[in-house]
């Protein structure tokens, strides 16, 4: 590959650089070839080196904004994670409450049958109350599972939007 082909290929590969950086790189290689230098790399390797040098010279504006916003964004992130943690803890406590209500219902039904021989109206009251508790416990399981699904879906949507926005 001669110098003109090398320069044509290199110019195509680095055309996305800012005008000043582009001209600096092109002038460097043109001067290098004018001085009789022989290149030992392909245009792709040269372009890769030029682009790597440019990214090292110029930190991205996103990185600067991230560093400047850390004193505010870090506490906000901690608060957001705390809210998520508290939400899941609340969900877990609702789940435990549903288990307790269902268990109390089962216990009331068995307790009612245990007092059947002693006082029949008490047995009817305990069995009826136990069945109501059992039904409420089962219904609350359904609601808790749907609530957990909504919370997970909402959190995944929020976090995916935040992550997508931060990488743009």
N, C-alpha and C. Protein backbone atom coordinates (compact mmCIF):
# COMPACT_ATOMS: atom_id res chain seq x y z
N UNK A 1 0.85 -1.17 0.00
CA UNK A 1 0.00 0.00 0.00
C UNK A 1 0.90 1.24 0.00
N UNK A 2 0.65 2.13 -0.95
CA UNK A 2 1.47 3.34 -0.99
C UNK A 2 0.90 4.40 -0.04
N UNK A 3 1.64 5.51 0.08
CA UNK A 3 1.28 6.56 1.05
C UNK A 3 -0.07 7.20 0.75
N UNK A 4 -0.38 7.39 -0.54
CA UNK A 4 -1.66 8.03 -0.89
C UNK A 4 -2.85 7.14 -0.52
N UNK A 5 -2.73 5.84 -0.77
CA UNK A 5 -3.80 4.92 -0.39
C UNK A 5 -3.96 4.89 1.13
N UNK A 6 -2.81 4.87 1.82
CA UNK A 6 -2.83 4.88 3.28
C UNK A 6 -3.57 6.12 3.80
N UNK A 7 -3.23 7.29 3.26
CA UNK A 7 -3.83 8.54 3.72
C UNK A 7 -5.33 8.58 3.39
N UNK A 8 -5.72 8.09 2.24
CA UNK A 8 -7.14 8.09 1.86
C UNK A 8 -7.94 7.20 2.81
N UNK A 9 -7.40 6.04 3.11
CA UNK A 9 -8.08 5.11 4.02
C UNK A 9 -8.11 5.69 5.44
N UNK A 10 -7.03 6.29 5.88
CA UNK A 10 -6.95 6.88 7.22
C UNK A 10 -7.94 8.03 7.37
N UNK A 11 -8.06 8.87 6.34
CA UNK A 11 -8.99 10.00 6.39
C UNK A 11 -10.44 9.52 6.53
N UNK A 12 -10.77 8.42 5.86
CA UNK A 12 -12.11 7.87 5.98
C UNK A 12 -12.37 7.37 7.41
N UNK A 13 -11.35 6.75 7.99
CA UNK A 13 -11.53 6.13 9.30
C UNK A 13 -11.61 7.15 10.45
N UNK A 14 -10.97 8.30 10.28
CA UNK A 14 -10.96 9.28 11.38
C UNK A 14 -11.84 10.49 11.11
N UNK A 15 -12.72 10.41 10.14
CA UNK A 15 -13.53 11.57 9.76
C UNK A 15 -14.49 12.02 10.86
N UNK A 16 -14.76 11.18 11.86
CA UNK A 16 -15.67 11.55 12.94
C UNK A 16 -15.00 12.41 14.02
N UNK A 17 -13.71 12.57 13.93
CA UNK A 17 -13.01 13.42 14.90
C UNK A 17 -13.39 14.88 14.70
N UNK A 18 -13.27 15.69 15.75
CA UNK A 18 -13.47 17.13 15.56
C UNK A 18 -12.46 17.67 14.53
N UNK A 19 -12.85 18.76 13.88
CA UNK A 19 -12.07 19.31 12.77
C UNK A 19 -10.60 19.53 13.16
N UNK A 20 -10.37 20.09 14.30
CA UNK A 20 -9.00 20.40 14.74
C UNK A 20 -8.17 19.13 14.93
N UNK A 21 -8.74 18.15 15.58
CA UNK A 21 -8.03 16.88 15.81
C UNK A 21 -7.79 16.14 14.49
N UNK A 22 -8.78 16.19 13.62
CA UNK A 22 -8.67 15.54 12.32
C UNK A 22 -7.50 16.15 11.53
N UNK A 23 -7.46 17.49 11.47
CA UNK A 23 -6.39 18.16 10.74
C UNK A 23 -5.03 17.88 11.36
N UNK A 24 -4.97 17.84 12.68
CA UNK A 24 -3.70 17.56 13.36
C UNK A 24 -3.17 16.17 13.00
N UNK A 25 -4.05 15.16 12.99
CA UNK A 25 -3.63 13.80 12.66
C UNK A 25 -3.22 13.69 11.20
N UNK A 26 -4.01 14.29 10.30
CA UNK A 26 -3.69 14.23 8.87
C UNK A 26 -2.36 14.93 8.60
N UNK A 27 -2.17 16.11 9.19
CA UNK A 27 -0.90 16.85 9.00
C UNK A 27 0.29 16.06 9.52
N UNK A 28 0.11 15.39 10.65
CA UNK A 28 1.20 14.60 11.21
C UNK A 28 1.65 13.52 10.22
N UNK A 29 0.68 12.76 9.69
CA UNK A 29 1.06 11.68 8.78
C UNK A 29 1.56 12.22 7.44
N UNK A 30 1.01 13.31 6.95
CA UNK A 30 1.51 13.90 5.71
C UNK A 30 2.95 14.37 5.88
N UNK A 31 3.27 15.01 7.02
CA UNK A 31 4.63 15.45 7.30
C UNK A 31 5.56 14.25 7.45
N UNK A 32 5.04 13.20 8.10
CA UNK A 32 5.82 11.98 8.29
C UNK A 32 6.21 11.38 6.94
N UNK A 33 5.26 11.32 6.02
CA UNK A 33 5.55 10.77 4.69
C UNK A 33 6.42 11.72 3.89
N UNK A 34 6.25 13.03 4.07
CA UNK A 34 7.07 14.02 3.35
C UNK A 34 8.53 13.93 3.78
N UNK A 35 8.75 13.57 5.04
CA UNK A 35 10.12 13.42 5.54
C UNK A 35 10.74 12.08 5.15
N UNK A 36 10.00 11.26 4.42
CA UNK A 36 10.53 9.99 3.93
C UNK A 36 10.29 8.84 4.89
N UNK A 37 9.43 9.01 5.85
CA UNK A 37 9.15 7.94 6.81
C UNK A 37 8.36 6.80 6.19
N UNK A 38 8.61 5.62 6.69
CA UNK A 38 7.87 4.44 6.26
C UNK A 38 6.99 3.97 7.42
N UNK A 39 5.74 3.73 7.12
CA UNK A 39 4.78 3.34 8.15
C UNK A 39 4.78 1.82 8.29
N UNK A 40 4.70 1.34 9.52
CA UNK A 40 4.72 -0.09 9.78
C UNK A 40 3.37 -0.61 10.29
N UNK A 41 2.30 0.17 10.08
CA UNK A 41 0.99 -0.24 10.55
C UNK A 41 -0.03 -0.01 9.45
N UNK A 42 -1.16 -0.64 9.62
CA UNK A 42 -2.24 -0.46 8.66
C UNK A 42 -3.00 0.83 9.00
N UNK A 43 -3.78 1.35 8.06
CA UNK A 43 -4.57 2.54 8.36
C UNK A 43 -5.56 2.30 9.52
N UNK A 44 -6.07 1.07 9.62
CA UNK A 44 -6.99 0.75 10.71
C UNK A 44 -6.30 0.85 12.07
N UNK A 45 -5.05 0.35 12.15
CA UNK A 45 -4.31 0.44 13.41
C UNK A 45 -3.99 1.89 13.75
N UNK A 46 -3.59 2.66 12.74
CA UNK A 46 -3.28 4.07 12.96
C UNK A 46 -4.53 4.82 13.42
N UNK A 47 -5.66 4.56 12.79
CA UNK A 47 -6.91 5.23 13.19
C UNK A 47 -7.31 4.84 14.60
N UNK A 48 -7.12 3.58 14.93
CA UNK A 48 -7.44 3.12 16.29
C UNK A 48 -6.58 3.86 17.31
N UNK A 49 -5.31 4.03 17.02
CA UNK A 49 -4.41 4.75 17.94
C UNK A 49 -4.80 6.23 18.05
N UNK A 50 -5.14 6.83 16.93
CA UNK A 50 -5.52 8.25 16.93
C UNK A 50 -6.79 8.46 17.74
N UNK A 51 -7.79 7.59 17.52
CA UNK A 51 -9.05 7.71 18.26
C UNK A 51 -8.85 7.45 19.74
N UNK A 52 -7.98 6.49 20.08
CA UNK A 52 -7.70 6.22 21.49
C UNK A 52 -7.02 7.41 22.15
N UNK A 53 -6.07 8.02 21.44
CA UNK A 53 -5.40 9.21 21.99
C UNK A 53 -6.39 10.35 22.19
N UNK A 54 -7.31 10.51 21.25
CA UNK A 54 -8.29 11.59 21.36
C UNK A 54 -9.19 11.38 22.58
N UNK A 55 -9.65 10.16 22.79
CA UNK A 55 -10.52 9.91 23.94
C UNK A 55 -9.79 10.08 25.26
N UNK A 56 -8.49 9.82 25.27
CA UNK A 56 -7.71 10.05 26.50
C UNK A 56 -7.52 11.54 26.76
N UNK A 57 -7.35 12.32 25.69
CA UNK A 57 -7.16 13.77 25.84
C UNK A 57 -8.42 14.46 26.32
N UNK A 58 -9.55 14.07 25.76
CA UNK A 58 -10.81 14.77 26.01
C UNK A 58 -11.73 13.88 26.84
N UNK A 59 -11.85 14.15 28.13
CA UNK A 59 -12.83 13.38 28.90
C UNK A 59 -14.24 13.74 28.44
N UNK A 60 -15.10 12.75 28.48
CA UNK A 60 -16.45 13.01 28.00
C UNK A 60 -17.19 13.94 28.96
N UNK A 61 -18.08 14.76 28.43
CA UNK A 61 -18.85 15.65 29.30
C UNK A 61 -19.69 14.89 30.32
N UNK A 62 -20.11 13.68 29.95
CA UNK A 62 -20.89 12.88 30.89
C UNK A 62 -20.08 12.54 32.13
N UNK A 63 -18.80 12.21 31.94
CA UNK A 63 -17.95 11.86 33.09
C UNK A 63 -17.78 13.07 34.01
N UNK A 64 -17.63 14.24 33.43
CA UNK A 64 -17.49 15.46 34.25
C UNK A 64 -18.76 15.72 35.03
N UNK A 65 -19.92 15.59 34.36
CA UNK A 65 -21.19 15.83 35.05
C UNK A 65 -21.42 14.80 36.15
N UNK A 66 -21.01 13.56 35.90
CA UNK A 66 -21.18 12.53 36.93
C UNK A 66 -20.34 12.88 38.15
N UNK A 67 -19.10 13.30 37.93
CA UNK A 67 -18.25 13.66 39.07
C UNK A 67 -18.77 14.87 39.82
N UNK A 68 -19.27 15.86 39.08
CA UNK A 68 -19.79 17.06 39.73
C UNK A 68 -21.10 16.80 40.47
N UNK A 69 -21.87 15.84 40.00
CA UNK A 69 -23.17 15.60 40.63
C UNK A 69 -23.12 14.57 41.76
N UNK A 70 -21.96 13.98 42.02
CA UNK A 70 -21.87 12.96 43.06
C UNK A 70 -22.32 13.43 44.44
N UNK A 71 -21.97 14.65 44.89
CA UNK A 71 -22.44 15.06 46.23
C UNK A 71 -23.96 15.09 46.36
N UNK A 72 -24.66 15.26 45.27
CA UNK A 72 -26.13 15.28 45.33
C UNK A 72 -26.70 13.92 44.94
N UNK A 73 -26.15 13.30 43.90
CA UNK A 73 -26.75 12.08 43.39
C UNK A 73 -26.49 10.87 44.28
N UNK A 74 -25.37 10.83 44.99
CA UNK A 74 -25.10 9.69 45.85
C UNK A 74 -26.10 9.60 47.01
N UNK A 75 -26.36 10.69 47.74
CA UNK A 75 -27.40 10.58 48.78
C UNK A 75 -28.78 10.28 48.21
N UNK A 76 -29.09 10.83 47.03
CA UNK A 76 -30.38 10.52 46.41
C UNK A 76 -30.48 9.05 46.03
N UNK A 77 -29.38 8.48 45.56
CA UNK A 77 -29.36 7.06 45.23
C UNK A 77 -29.54 6.22 46.49
N UNK A 78 -28.91 6.64 47.58
CA UNK A 78 -29.07 5.91 48.85
C UNK A 78 -30.52 5.98 49.32
N UNK A 79 -31.14 7.14 49.20
CA UNK A 79 -32.54 7.29 49.59
C UNK A 79 -33.43 6.42 48.70
N UNK A 80 -33.16 6.42 47.39
CA UNK A 80 -33.97 5.61 46.48
C UNK A 80 -33.84 4.12 46.80
N UNK A 81 -32.62 3.68 47.06
CA UNK A 81 -32.43 2.27 47.42
C UNK A 81 -33.08 1.95 48.76
N UNK A 82 -33.06 2.90 49.68
CA UNK A 82 -33.72 2.69 50.97
C UNK A 82 -35.22 2.55 50.79
N UNK A 83 -35.79 3.37 49.92
CA UNK A 83 -37.24 3.28 49.65
C UNK A 83 -37.57 1.92 49.03
N UNK A 84 -36.74 1.46 48.12
CA UNK A 84 -36.96 0.15 47.52
C UNK A 84 -36.87 -0.93 48.59
N UNK A 85 -35.86 -0.84 49.45
CA UNK A 85 -35.69 -1.82 50.52
C UNK A 85 -36.89 -1.82 51.46
N UNK A 86 -37.34 -0.64 51.86
CA UNK A 86 -38.50 -0.53 52.75
C UNK A 86 -39.75 -1.08 52.06
N UNK A 87 -39.91 -0.81 50.77
CA UNK A 87 -41.05 -1.34 50.03
C UNK A 87 -41.07 -2.86 50.03
N UNK A 88 -39.91 -3.47 49.79
CA UNK A 88 -39.86 -4.93 49.80
C UNK A 88 -40.04 -5.48 51.21
N UNK A 89 -39.53 -4.77 52.22
CA UNK A 89 -39.74 -5.20 53.60
C UNK A 89 -41.22 -5.14 53.96
N UNK A 90 -41.91 -4.10 53.50
CA UNK A 90 -43.34 -3.97 53.74
C UNK A 90 -44.09 -5.10 53.03
N UNK A 91 -43.68 -5.40 51.82
CA UNK A 91 -44.30 -6.48 51.07
C UNK A 91 -44.11 -7.81 51.80
N UNK A 92 -42.92 -8.02 52.34
CA UNK A 92 -42.64 -9.24 53.09
C UNK A 92 -43.48 -9.30 54.36
N UNK A 93 -43.66 -8.15 55.02
CA UNK A 93 -44.49 -8.14 56.23
C UNK A 93 -45.96 -8.41 55.89
N UNK A 94 -46.45 -7.90 54.75
CA UNK A 94 -47.81 -8.21 54.32
C UNK A 94 -47.96 -9.71 54.04
N UNK A 95 -46.92 -10.28 53.45
CA UNK A 95 -46.93 -11.71 53.17
C UNK A 95 -46.99 -12.50 54.48
N UNK A 96 -46.20 -12.09 55.48
CA UNK A 96 -46.23 -12.75 56.78
C UNK A 96 -47.59 -12.58 57.45
N UNK A 97 -48.18 -11.41 57.30
CA UNK A 97 -49.51 -11.17 57.85
C UNK A 97 -50.54 -12.08 57.20
N UNK A 98 -50.45 -12.27 55.89
CA UNK A 98 -51.37 -13.16 55.19
C UNK A 98 -51.21 -14.59 55.68
N UNK A 99 -49.98 -15.00 55.91
CA UNK A 99 -49.74 -16.35 56.45
C UNK A 99 -50.35 -16.46 57.84
N UNK A 100 -50.17 -15.43 58.66
CA UNK A 100 -50.71 -15.45 60.01
C UNK A 100 -52.24 -15.50 60.00
N UNK A 101 -52.86 -14.72 59.13
CA UNK A 101 -54.33 -14.71 59.06
C UNK A 101 -54.84 -16.08 58.60
N UNK A 102 -54.19 -16.65 57.61
CA UNK A 102 -54.60 -17.97 57.12
C UNK A 102 -54.40 -19.02 58.20
N UNK A 103 -53.27 -18.95 58.89
CA UNK A 103 -53.01 -19.90 59.98
C UNK A 103 -54.00 -19.74 61.12
N UNK A 104 -54.36 -18.50 61.45
CA UNK A 104 -55.36 -18.26 62.50
C UNK A 104 -56.71 -18.83 62.09
N UNK A 105 -57.03 -18.72 60.82
CA UNK A 105 -58.29 -19.29 60.34
C UNK A 105 -58.32 -20.79 60.48
N UNK A 106 -57.23 -21.43 60.10
CA UNK A 106 -57.15 -22.89 60.24
C UNK A 106 -57.23 -23.27 61.72
N UNK A 107 -56.52 -22.50 62.56
CA UNK A 107 -56.56 -22.79 64.00
C UNK A 107 -57.95 -22.61 64.58
N UNK A 108 -58.67 -21.60 64.14
CA UNK A 108 -60.03 -21.37 64.63
C UNK A 108 -60.97 -22.50 64.21
N UNK A 109 -60.81 -22.99 62.98
CA UNK A 109 -61.65 -24.09 62.52
C UNK A 109 -61.40 -25.33 63.37
N UNK A 110 -60.13 -25.69 63.58
CA UNK A 110 -59.82 -26.86 64.41
C UNK A 110 -60.25 -26.65 65.86
N UNK A 111 -60.06 -25.41 66.36
CA UNK A 111 -60.51 -25.12 67.73
C UNK A 111 -62.01 -25.24 67.86
N UNK A 112 -62.73 -24.80 66.84
CA UNK A 112 -64.18 -24.92 66.86
C UNK A 112 -64.63 -26.37 66.92
N UNK A 113 -63.97 -27.22 66.13
CA UNK A 113 -64.33 -28.64 66.18
C UNK A 113 -63.96 -29.25 67.53
N UNK A 114 -62.94 -28.68 68.16
CA UNK A 114 -62.54 -29.21 69.46
C UNK A 114 -63.58 -28.91 70.54
N UNK A 115 -64.29 -27.80 70.44
CA UNK A 115 -65.29 -27.45 71.46
C UNK A 115 -66.70 -27.87 71.05
N UNK A 116 -66.84 -28.65 69.99
CA UNK A 116 -68.15 -29.04 69.49
C UNK A 116 -68.95 -29.79 70.56
N UNK A 117 -68.31 -30.66 71.28
CA UNK A 117 -69.03 -31.45 72.29
C UNK A 117 -69.44 -30.59 73.48
N UNK A 118 -68.73 -29.51 73.77
CA UNK A 118 -69.01 -28.70 74.95
C UNK A 118 -70.11 -27.67 74.70
N UNK A 119 -70.02 -26.93 73.60
CA UNK A 119 -71.01 -25.88 73.35
C UNK A 119 -71.12 -25.68 71.84
N UNK A 120 -72.24 -26.12 71.26
CA UNK A 120 -72.41 -26.11 69.82
C UNK A 120 -72.41 -24.70 69.22
N UNK A 121 -73.07 -23.68 69.80
CA UNK A 121 -73.02 -22.34 69.20
C UNK A 121 -71.61 -21.76 69.16
N UNK A 122 -70.79 -22.07 70.18
CA UNK A 122 -69.40 -21.61 70.18
C UNK A 122 -68.64 -22.26 69.02
N UNK A 123 -68.91 -23.53 68.82
CA UNK A 123 -68.26 -24.25 67.71
C UNK A 123 -68.64 -23.61 66.38
N UNK A 124 -69.90 -23.29 66.19
CA UNK A 124 -70.34 -22.68 64.93
C UNK A 124 -69.68 -21.31 64.73
N UNK A 125 -69.62 -20.55 65.81
CA UNK A 125 -68.99 -19.24 65.73
C UNK A 125 -67.51 -19.37 65.37
N UNK A 126 -66.81 -20.28 66.04
CA UNK A 126 -65.36 -20.43 65.79
C UNK A 126 -65.09 -20.98 64.38
N UNK A 127 -65.87 -21.93 63.94
CA UNK A 127 -65.67 -22.47 62.59
C UNK A 127 -65.99 -21.40 61.54
N UNK A 128 -67.08 -20.66 61.72
CA UNK A 128 -67.42 -19.59 60.78
C UNK A 128 -66.36 -18.51 60.74
N UNK A 129 -65.90 -18.08 61.92
CA UNK A 129 -64.84 -17.07 61.99
C UNK A 129 -63.55 -17.60 61.35
N UNK A 130 -63.25 -18.86 61.62
CA UNK A 130 -62.04 -19.47 61.05
C UNK A 130 -62.08 -19.54 59.54
N UNK A 131 -63.26 -19.87 58.99
CA UNK A 131 -63.39 -19.93 57.53
C UNK A 131 -63.27 -18.54 56.91
N UNK A 132 -63.82 -17.53 57.58
CA UNK A 132 -63.69 -16.16 57.08
C UNK A 132 -62.22 -15.73 57.11
N UNK A 133 -61.53 -16.03 58.22
CA UNK A 133 -60.10 -15.68 58.31
C UNK A 133 -59.30 -16.40 57.23
N UNK A 134 -59.61 -17.69 57.05
CA UNK A 134 -58.90 -18.47 56.04
C UNK A 134 -59.11 -17.88 54.65
N UNK A 135 -60.35 -17.51 54.33
CA UNK A 135 -60.65 -16.92 53.02
C UNK A 135 -59.97 -15.57 52.85
N UNK A 136 -59.98 -14.73 53.91
CA UNK A 136 -59.30 -13.44 53.83
C UNK A 136 -57.78 -13.62 53.64
N UNK A 137 -57.23 -14.62 54.31
CA UNK A 137 -55.80 -14.90 54.15
C UNK A 137 -55.47 -15.30 52.72
N UNK A 138 -56.29 -16.18 52.14
CA UNK A 138 -56.04 -16.60 50.76
C UNK A 138 -56.23 -15.45 49.78
N UNK A 139 -57.25 -14.62 50.01
CA UNK A 139 -57.46 -13.47 49.14
C UNK A 139 -56.30 -12.48 49.24
N UNK A 140 -55.78 -12.31 50.44
CA UNK A 140 -54.67 -11.37 50.60
C UNK A 140 -53.41 -11.89 49.91
N UNK A 141 -53.22 -13.22 49.85
CA UNK A 141 -52.09 -13.77 49.09
C UNK A 141 -52.17 -13.34 47.65
N UNK A 142 -53.35 -13.44 47.08
CA UNK A 142 -53.55 -13.04 45.68
C UNK A 142 -53.21 -11.57 45.48
N UNK A 143 -53.71 -10.72 46.37
CA UNK A 143 -53.41 -9.29 46.27
C UNK A 143 -51.94 -8.98 46.44
N UNK A 144 -51.30 -9.67 47.38
CA UNK A 144 -49.87 -9.43 47.62
C UNK A 144 -49.04 -9.86 46.42
N UNK A 145 -49.39 -10.96 45.81
CA UNK A 145 -48.64 -11.43 44.64
C UNK A 145 -48.81 -10.44 43.48
N UNK A 146 -50.02 -9.93 43.29
CA UNK A 146 -50.24 -8.93 42.23
C UNK A 146 -49.49 -7.63 42.55
N UNK A 147 -49.51 -7.23 43.83
CA UNK A 147 -48.78 -6.02 44.23
C UNK A 147 -47.28 -6.18 44.01
N UNK A 148 -46.76 -7.36 44.34
CA UNK A 148 -45.33 -7.62 44.11
C UNK A 148 -44.99 -7.55 42.63
N UNK A 149 -45.87 -8.07 41.78
CA UNK A 149 -45.64 -7.99 40.33
C UNK A 149 -45.64 -6.56 39.84
N UNK A 150 -46.59 -5.75 40.34
CA UNK A 150 -46.63 -4.34 39.94
C UNK A 150 -45.40 -3.59 40.42
N UNK A 151 -44.96 -3.86 41.64
CA UNK A 151 -43.76 -3.19 42.16
C UNK A 151 -42.54 -3.58 41.35
N UNK A 152 -42.38 -4.86 41.06
CA UNK A 152 -41.23 -5.30 40.26
C UNK A 152 -41.25 -4.71 38.86
N UNK A 153 -42.42 -4.69 38.25
CA UNK A 153 -42.54 -4.12 36.90
C UNK A 153 -42.23 -2.63 36.91
N UNK A 154 -42.75 -1.91 37.90
CA UNK A 154 -42.49 -0.48 38.00
C UNK A 154 -41.03 -0.17 38.25
N UNK A 155 -40.42 -0.92 39.17
CA UNK A 155 -39.00 -0.69 39.46
C UNK A 155 -38.12 -1.03 38.26
N UNK A 156 -38.43 -2.11 37.57
CA UNK A 156 -37.61 -2.46 36.40
C UNK A 156 -37.76 -1.40 35.30
N UNK A 157 -38.95 -0.85 35.15
CA UNK A 157 -39.14 0.21 34.16
C UNK A 157 -38.35 1.46 34.53
N UNK A 158 -38.45 1.86 35.79
CA UNK A 158 -37.74 3.06 36.24
C UNK A 158 -36.24 2.89 36.11
N UNK A 159 -35.72 1.76 36.61
CA UNK A 159 -34.27 1.56 36.55
C UNK A 159 -33.76 1.39 35.13
N UNK A 160 -34.54 0.74 34.27
CA UNK A 160 -34.07 0.59 32.88
C UNK A 160 -34.05 1.95 32.18
N UNK A 161 -35.02 2.83 32.47
CA UNK A 161 -35.00 4.17 31.89
C UNK A 161 -33.82 4.97 32.42
N UNK A 162 -33.53 4.84 33.71
CA UNK A 162 -32.39 5.56 34.27
C UNK A 162 -31.08 5.08 33.67
N UNK A 163 -30.95 3.77 33.54
CA UNK A 163 -29.71 3.22 32.98
C UNK A 163 -29.56 3.60 31.52
N UNK A 164 -30.67 3.50 30.75
CA UNK A 164 -30.62 3.89 29.34
C UNK A 164 -30.24 5.37 29.20
N UNK A 165 -30.82 6.22 30.05
CA UNK A 165 -30.54 7.65 29.98
C UNK A 165 -29.09 7.94 30.35
N UNK A 166 -28.55 7.22 31.33
CA UNK A 166 -27.17 7.50 31.76
C UNK A 166 -26.15 7.04 30.73
N UNK A 167 -26.49 6.08 29.87
CA UNK A 167 -25.53 5.60 28.87
C UNK A 167 -25.67 6.30 27.54
N UNK A 168 -26.61 7.24 27.42
CA UNK A 168 -26.75 7.94 26.15
C UNK A 168 -25.85 9.13 26.07
